[in-house]
Amino acid sequence: MHEQAFIDKIIEQASAQGEIESVFLEIGELAHVPGEELVSSFRIRVSWKIDWKEIPAQVECDCGFSGHPTILERGHDHFMIECPKCKGMPVIVAGTDIKLVSVRVK
């Protein structure tokens, strides 16, 4: 479960701030691990309150389209997308990151 590597890094970064009460994460719609899976695994590891927001995927395509892609398939560590305008393969410009946005300490 490679999501443990993401969780370990978040725990390391948050813990450097002190004794943690809660964290807020932004998880991209097309991040390596779907947000629900990541947060579920995270909650098993720590007693912190974990709030999160999913950041929608954004793409740009050679046909001129810019916006949300058509997501054909989404799973653990994979996804298939296409341009909703031309059905081509767009370039992802947002929605793949996992970010620790804020930490509340006791």
C-alpha atoms as a PDB file:
ATOM      1  CA  MET A   1       0.000   0.000   0.000  1.00  0.00           C
ATOM      2  CA  HIS A   2       2.026   2.925  -1.288  1.00  0.00           C
ATOM      3  CA  GLU A   3      -0.407   5.395   0.287  1.00  0.00           C
ATOM      4  CA  GLN A   4       1.561   4.703   3.475  1.00  0.00           C
ATOM      5  CA  ALA A   5       4.486   6.641   1.952  1.00  0.00           C
ATOM      6  CA  PHE A   6       2.220   9.666   1.474  1.00  0.00           C
ATOM      7  CA  ILE A   7       0.826   9.290   4.990  1.00  0.00           C
ATOM      8  CA  ASP A   8       4.323   8.939   6.480  1.00  0.00           C
ATOM      9  CA  LYS A   9       5.413  12.173   4.787  1.00  0.00           C
ATOM     10  CA  ILE A  10       2.329  14.074   5.983  1.00  0.00           C
ATOM     11  CA  ILE A  11       2.823  12.776   9.539  1.00  0.00           C
ATOM     12  CA  GLU A  12       6.476  13.822   9.418  1.00  0.00           C
ATOM     13  CA  GLN A  13       5.684  17.323   8.137  1.00  0.00           C
ATOM     14  CA  ALA A  14       2.773  17.891  10.532  1.00  0.00           C
ATOM     15  CA  SER A  15       4.563  16.497  13.583  1.00  0.00           C
ATOM     16  CA  ALA A  16       7.399  18.960  13.064  1.00  0.00           C
ATOM     17  CA  GLN A  17       4.905  21.669  14.095  1.00  0.00           C
ATOM     18  CA  GLY A  18       4.243  20.223  17.568  1.00  0.00           C
ATOM     19  CA  GLU A  19       1.568  18.047  19.184  1.00  0.00           C
ATOM     20  CA  ILE A  20      -1.103  17.748  16.491  1.00  0.00           C
ATOM     21  CA  GLU A  21      -4.809  18.271  17.054  1.00  0.00           C
ATOM     22  CA  SER A  22      -5.945  18.363  13.418  1.00  0.00           C
ATOM     23  CA  VAL A  23      -4.792  18.693   9.828  1.00  0.00           C
ATOM     24  CA  PHE A  24      -6.393  19.954   6.639  1.00  0.00           C
ATOM     25  CA  LEU A  25      -5.455  18.326   3.336  1.00  0.00           C
ATOM     26  CA  GLU A  26      -6.140  19.094  -0.309  1.00  0.00           C
ATOM     27  CA  ILE A  27      -6.248  15.915  -2.367  1.00  0.00           C
ATOM     28  CA  GLY A  28      -6.426  16.056  -6.129  1.00  0.00           C
ATOM     29  CA  GLU A  29      -9.225  14.218  -7.863  1.00  0.00           C
ATOM     30  CA  LEU A  30      -6.544  12.364  -9.857  1.00  0.00           C
ATOM     31  CA  ALA A  31      -3.943  11.981  -7.087  1.00  0.00           C
ATOM     32  CA  HIS A  32      -2.093   8.642  -6.893  1.00  0.00           C
ATOM     33  CA  VAL A  33      -4.480   7.554  -4.148  1.00  0.00           C
ATOM     34  CA  PRO A  34      -8.178   8.517  -4.183  1.00  0.00           C
ATOM     35  CA  GLY A  35      -8.983  10.914  -1.345  1.00  0.00           C
ATOM     36  CA  GLU A  36     -11.377   8.592   0.469  1.00  0.00           C
ATOM     37  CA  GLU A  37      -8.802   5.777   0.504  1.00  0.00           C
ATOM     38  CA  LEU A  38      -5.991   8.042   1.670  1.00  0.00           C
ATOM     39  CA  VAL A  39      -8.002   9.614   4.493  1.00  0.00           C
ATOM     40  CA  SER A  40      -9.388   6.240   5.591  1.00  0.00           C
ATOM     41  CA  SER A  41      -5.874   4.792   5.839  1.00  0.00           C
ATOM     42  CA  PHE A  42      -4.620   7.973   7.524  1.00  0.00           C
ATOM     43  CA  ARG A  43      -7.296   7.766  10.244  1.00  0.00           C
ATOM     44  CA  ILE A  44      -6.115   4.257  11.144  1.00  0.00           C
ATOM     45  CA  ARG A  45      -2.616   5.610  11.831  1.00  0.00           C
ATOM     46  CA  VAL A  46      -3.335   8.752  13.889  1.00  0.00           C
ATOM     47  CA  SER A  47      -5.927  10.102  16.313  1.00  0.00           C
ATOM     48  CA  TRP A  48      -5.883  13.572  14.746  1.00  0.00           C
ATOM     49  CA  LYS A  49      -8.960  15.172  13.250  1.00  0.00           C
ATOM     50  CA  ILE A  50      -8.497  15.039   9.491  1.00  0.00           C
ATOM     51  CA  ASP A  51     -10.408  17.407   7.241  1.00  0.00           C
ATOM     52  CA  TRP A  52      -9.900  17.409   3.514  1.00  0.00           C
ATOM     53  CA  LYS A  53     -11.098  18.856   0.260  1.00  0.00           C
ATOM     54  CA  GLU A  54     -10.958  17.257  -3.155  1.00  0.00           C
ATOM     55  CA  ILE A  55      -9.392  19.476  -5.808  1.00  0.00           C
ATOM     56  CA  PRO A  56     -11.041  18.903  -9.208  1.00  0.00           C
ATOM     57  CA  ALA A  57      -8.906  17.794 -12.123  1.00  0.00           C
ATOM     58  CA  GLN A  58      -8.217  20.400 -14.792  1.00  0.00           C
ATOM     59  CA  VAL A  59      -6.811  19.696 -18.236  1.00  0.00           C
ATOM     60  CA  GLU A  60      -5.797  21.454 -21.433  1.00  0.00           C
ATOM     61  CA  CYS A  61      -6.084  19.855 -24.840  1.00  0.00           C
ATOM     62  CA  ASP A  62      -4.593  20.556 -28.264  1.00  0.00           C
ATOM     63  CA  CYS A  63      -8.152  21.069 -29.569  1.00  0.00           C
ATOM     64  CA  GLY A  64      -8.412  24.206 -27.398  1.00  0.00           C
ATOM     65  CA  PHE A  65     -10.447  22.715 -24.561  1.00  0.00           C
ATOM     66  CA  SER A  66      -9.556  23.797 -21.027  1.00  0.00           C
ATOM     67  CA  GLY A  67     -11.492  22.481 -18.051  1.00  0.00           C
ATOM     68  CA  HIS A  68     -12.568  19.279 -16.326  1.00  0.00           C
ATOM     69  CA  PRO A  69     -11.765  16.046 -18.200  1.00  0.00           C
ATOM     70  CA  THR A  70     -14.062  13.124 -18.790  1.00  0.00           C
ATOM     71  CA  ILE A  71     -12.912  10.499 -16.298  1.00  0.00           C
ATOM     72  CA  LEU A  72     -13.410   7.103 -17.907  1.00  0.00           C
ATOM     73  CA  GLU A  73     -11.948   5.052 -15.080  1.00  0.00           C
ATOM     74  CA  ARG A  74     -10.562   5.814 -11.618  1.00  0.00           C
ATOM     75  CA  GLY A  75      -8.892   3.373  -9.269  1.00  0.00           C
ATOM     76  CA  HIS A  76      -6.067   3.000  -6.824  1.00  0.00           C
ATOM     77  CA  ASP A  77      -2.952   4.384  -8.565  1.00  0.00           C
ATOM     78  CA  HIS A  78      -4.576   4.615 -12.014  1.00  0.00           C
ATOM     79  CA  PHE A  79      -7.090   6.569 -14.038  1.00  0.00           C
ATOM     80  CA  MET A  80      -8.146   7.007 -17.631  1.00  0.00           C
ATOM     81  CA  ILE A  81      -9.276  10.398 -18.906  1.00  0.00           C
ATOM     82  CA  GLU A  82     -10.154  12.015 -22.197  1.00  0.00           C
ATOM     83  CA  CYS A  83     -10.984  15.441 -23.521  1.00  0.00           C
ATOM     84  CA  PRO A  84     -14.757  15.905 -23.402  1.00  0.00           C
ATOM     85  CA  LYS A  85     -14.617  17.961 -26.614  1.00  0.00           C
ATOM     86  CA  CYS A  86     -12.498  15.853 -28.997  1.00  0.00           C
ATOM     87  CA  LYS A  87     -12.004  12.574 -27.056  1.00  0.00           C
ATOM     88  CA  GLY A  88      -8.229  13.070 -27.326  1.00  0.00           C
ATOM     89  CA  MET A  89      -5.619  12.820 -24.587  1.00  0.00           C
ATOM     90  CA  PRO A  90      -5.395  16.143 -22.716  1.00  0.00           C
ATOM     91  CA  VAL A  91      -2.557  17.383 -20.516  1.00  0.00           C
ATOM     92  CA  ILE A  92      -3.361  17.458 -16.792  1.00  0.00           C
ATOM     93  CA  VAL A  93      -2.665  20.892 -15.302  1.00  0.00           C
ATOM     94  CA  ALA A  94      -4.259  20.511 -11.837  1.00  0.00           C
ATOM     95  CA  GLY A  95      -5.820  17.940  -9.552  1.00  0.00           C
ATOM     96  CA  THR A  96      -3.027  15.424  -8.999  1.00  0.00           C
ATOM     97  CA  ASP A  97      -1.375  16.758  -5.834  1.00  0.00           C
ATOM     98  CA  ILE A  98      -1.713  15.772  -2.197  1.00  0.00           C
ATOM     99  CA  LYS A  99      -1.050  18.837  -0.030  1.00  0.00           C
ATOM    100  CA  LEU A 100      -0.848  19.398   3.702  1.00  0.00           C
ATOM    101  CA  VAL A 101      -2.542  22.798   3.846  1.00  0.00           C
ATOM    102  CA  SER A 102      -2.733  23.488   7.578  1.00  0.00           C
ATOM    103  CA  VAL A 103      -1.914  22.004  10.954  1.00  0.00           C
ATOM    104  CA  ARG A 104      -3.577  22.808  14.256  1.00  0.00           C
ATOM    105  CA  VAL A 105      -1.473  22.038  17.312  1.00  0.00           C
ATOM    106  CA  LYS A 106      -2.621  21.538  20.915  1.00  0.00           C
END
